């Protein structure tokens, strides 16, 4: 019986940790999958890759569009992963 209690407590801690990690991933995904998250990702990507693309303002728009789409896509993936990690 003592082994059962120890196992039960161990699993309780593991579940709590698993739920915390899943909740954090889901929250990060929710933030990234918003319009503001996409805008932030787009601006960060545009400022990083626009000099390599060239084409002046068009390069910035292309970079921003790619970054926003990628950020929102990653957000959707993180939400899904977070939901599947949680044990609830």
C-alpha atoms as a PDB file:
ATOM      1  CA  UNK A   1       0.000   0.000   0.000  1.00  0.00           C
ATOM      2  CA  UNK A   2       2.860   2.388   0.683  1.00  0.00           C
ATOM      3  CA  UNK A   3       4.099   1.846  -2.862  1.00  0.00           C
ATOM      4  CA  UNK A   4       0.727   2.918  -4.222  1.00  0.00           C
ATOM      5  CA  UNK A   5       0.775   6.150  -2.208  1.00  0.00           C
ATOM      6  CA  UNK A   6       4.298   6.962  -3.407  1.00  0.00           C
ATOM      7  CA  UNK A   7       3.332   6.229  -7.023  1.00  0.00           C
ATOM      8  CA  UNK A   8       0.195   8.307  -6.688  1.00  0.00           C
ATOM      9  CA  UNK A   9       2.137  11.282  -5.348  1.00  0.00           C
ATOM     10  CA  UNK A  10       4.768  10.918  -8.051  1.00  0.00           C
ATOM     11  CA  UNK A  11       2.146  10.911 -10.756  1.00  0.00           C
ATOM     12  CA  UNK A  12       0.437  13.888  -9.160  1.00  0.00           C
ATOM     13  CA  UNK A  13       3.645  15.898  -9.407  1.00  0.00           C
ATOM     14  CA  UNK A  14       4.281  14.678 -12.952  1.00  0.00           C
ATOM     15  CA  UNK A  15       0.750  15.641 -13.976  1.00  0.00           C
ATOM     16  CA  UNK A  16       1.157  19.085 -12.466  1.00  0.00           C
ATOM     17  CA  UNK A  17       4.437  19.635 -14.308  1.00  0.00           C
ATOM     18  CA  UNK A  18       2.923  18.322 -17.531  1.00  0.00           C
ATOM     19  CA  UNK A  19      -0.091  20.624 -17.167  1.00  0.00           C
ATOM     20  CA  UNK A  20       2.173  23.599 -16.449  1.00  0.00           C
ATOM     21  CA  UNK A  21       4.289  22.971 -19.547  1.00  0.00           C
ATOM     22  CA  UNK A  22       1.200  22.375 -21.677  1.00  0.00           C
ATOM     23  CA  UNK A  23      -0.447  25.513 -20.341  1.00  0.00           C
ATOM     24  CA  UNK A  24       2.658  27.604 -21.044  1.00  0.00           C
ATOM     25  CA  UNK A  25       2.900  26.302 -24.613  1.00  0.00           C
ATOM     26  CA  UNK A  26      -0.801  26.909 -25.163  1.00  0.00           C
ATOM     27  CA  UNK A  27      -0.562  30.464 -23.789  1.00  0.00           C
ATOM     28  CA  UNK A  28       2.440  31.262 -25.988  1.00  0.00           C
ATOM     29  CA  UNK A  29       0.516  29.856 -28.949  1.00  0.00           C
ATOM     30  CA  UNK A  30      -2.524  31.962 -28.136  1.00  0.00           C
ATOM     31  CA  UNK A  31      -0.382  35.096 -28.040  1.00  0.00           C
ATOM     32  CA  UNK A  32       1.436  34.293 -31.286  1.00  0.00           C
ATOM     33  CA  UNK A  33      -1.836  33.492 -33.060  1.00  0.00           C
ATOM     34  CA  UNK A  34      -3.300  36.970 -32.491  1.00  0.00           C
ATOM     35  CA  UNK A  35      -3.156  39.842 -34.965  1.00  0.00           C
ATOM     36  CA  UNK A  36      -0.753  41.677 -32.655  1.00  0.00           C
ATOM     37  CA  UNK A  37       1.457  38.576 -32.392  1.00  0.00           C
ATOM     38  CA  UNK A  38       1.465  38.245 -36.172  1.00  0.00           C
ATOM     39  CA  UNK A  39       2.298  41.930 -36.538  1.00  0.00           C
ATOM     40  CA  UNK A  40       5.200  41.637 -34.098  1.00  0.00           C
ATOM     41  CA  UNK A  41       6.514  38.548 -35.891  1.00  0.00           C
ATOM     42  CA  UNK A  42       6.101  40.280 -39.232  1.00  0.00           C
ATOM     43  CA  UNK A  43       8.028  43.356 -38.139  1.00  0.00           C
ATOM     44  CA  UNK A  44      10.810  41.269 -36.624  1.00  0.00           C
ATOM     45  CA  UNK A  45      11.108  39.168 -39.765  1.00  0.00           C
ATOM     46  CA  UNK A  46      10.941  42.155 -42.093  1.00  0.00           C
ATOM     47  CA  UNK A  47      13.716  43.968 -40.261  1.00  0.00           C
ATOM     48  CA  UNK A  48      15.841  40.816 -40.338  1.00  0.00           C
ATOM     49  CA  UNK A  49      15.391  39.602 -43.912  1.00  0.00           C
ATOM     50  CA  UNK A  50      14.455  42.779 -45.835  1.00  0.00           C
ATOM     51  CA  UNK A  51      18.113  43.782 -46.332  1.00  0.00           C
ATOM     52  CA  UNK A  52      18.804  40.346 -47.830  1.00  0.00           C
ATOM     53  CA  UNK A  53      15.740  40.418 -50.096  1.00  0.00           C
ATOM     54  CA  UNK A  54      16.394  43.949 -51.275  1.00  0.00           C
ATOM     55  CA  UNK A  55      13.660  45.597 -53.374  1.00  0.00           C
ATOM     56  CA  UNK A  56      13.201  48.513 -50.916  1.00  0.00           C
ATOM     57  CA  UNK A  57       9.705  48.862 -49.460  1.00  0.00           C
ATOM     58  CA  UNK A  58       8.472  45.798 -51.342  1.00  0.00           C
ATOM     59  CA  UNK A  59      11.135  43.710 -49.597  1.00  0.00           C
ATOM     60  CA  UNK A  60       9.860  44.976 -46.253  1.00  0.00           C
ATOM     61  CA  UNK A  61       6.273  44.071 -47.174  1.00  0.00           C
ATOM     62  CA  UNK A  62       7.262  40.607 -48.371  1.00  0.00           C
ATOM     63  CA  UNK A  63       9.292  40.025 -45.196  1.00  0.00           C
ATOM     64  CA  UNK A  64       6.466  41.277 -43.003  1.00  0.00           C
ATOM     65  CA  UNK A  65       3.902  39.086 -44.752  1.00  0.00           C
ATOM     66  CA  UNK A  66       6.088  35.996 -44.466  1.00  0.00           C
ATOM     67  CA  UNK A  67       6.898  36.709 -40.825  1.00  0.00           C
ATOM     68  CA  UNK A  68       3.280  37.325 -39.856  1.00  0.00           C
ATOM     69  CA  UNK A  69       2.103  34.128 -41.537  1.00  0.00           C
ATOM     70  CA  UNK A  70       4.902  32.105 -39.970  1.00  0.00           C
ATOM     71  CA  UNK A  71       4.260  33.550 -36.506  1.00  0.00           C
ATOM     72  CA  UNK A  72       0.532  32.812 -36.658  1.00  0.00           C
ATOM     73  CA  UNK A  73       1.241  29.307 -37.980  1.00  0.00           C
ATOM     74  CA  UNK A  74       3.658  28.604 -35.154  1.00  0.00           C
ATOM     75  CA  UNK A  75       1.060  29.960 -32.726  1.00  0.00           C
ATOM     76  CA  UNK A  76      -1.548  27.515 -33.991  1.00  0.00           C
ATOM     77  CA  UNK A  77       0.949  24.676 -33.653  1.00  0.00           C
ATOM     78  CA  UNK A  78       1.905  25.665 -30.108  1.00  0.00           C
ATOM     79  CA  UNK A  79      -1.758  25.825 -29.079  1.00  0.00           C
ATOM     80  CA  UNK A  80      -2.333  22.347 -30.420  1.00  0.00           C
ATOM     81  CA  UNK A  81       0.791  20.948 -28.787  1.00  0.00           C
ATOM     82  CA  UNK A  82      -0.060  22.626 -25.475  1.00  0.00           C
ATOM     83  CA  UNK A  83      -3.546  21.123 -25.480  1.00  0.00           C
ATOM     84  CA  UNK A  84      -2.207  17.649 -26.215  1.00  0.00           C
ATOM     85  CA  UNK A  85       0.486  17.838 -23.500  1.00  0.00           C
ATOM     86  CA  UNK A  86      -1.958  18.676 -20.718  1.00  0.00           C
ATOM     87  CA  UNK A  87      -3.442  15.719 -18.851  1.00  0.00           C
ATOM     88  CA  UNK A  88      -6.738  17.341 -17.947  1.00  0.00           C
END
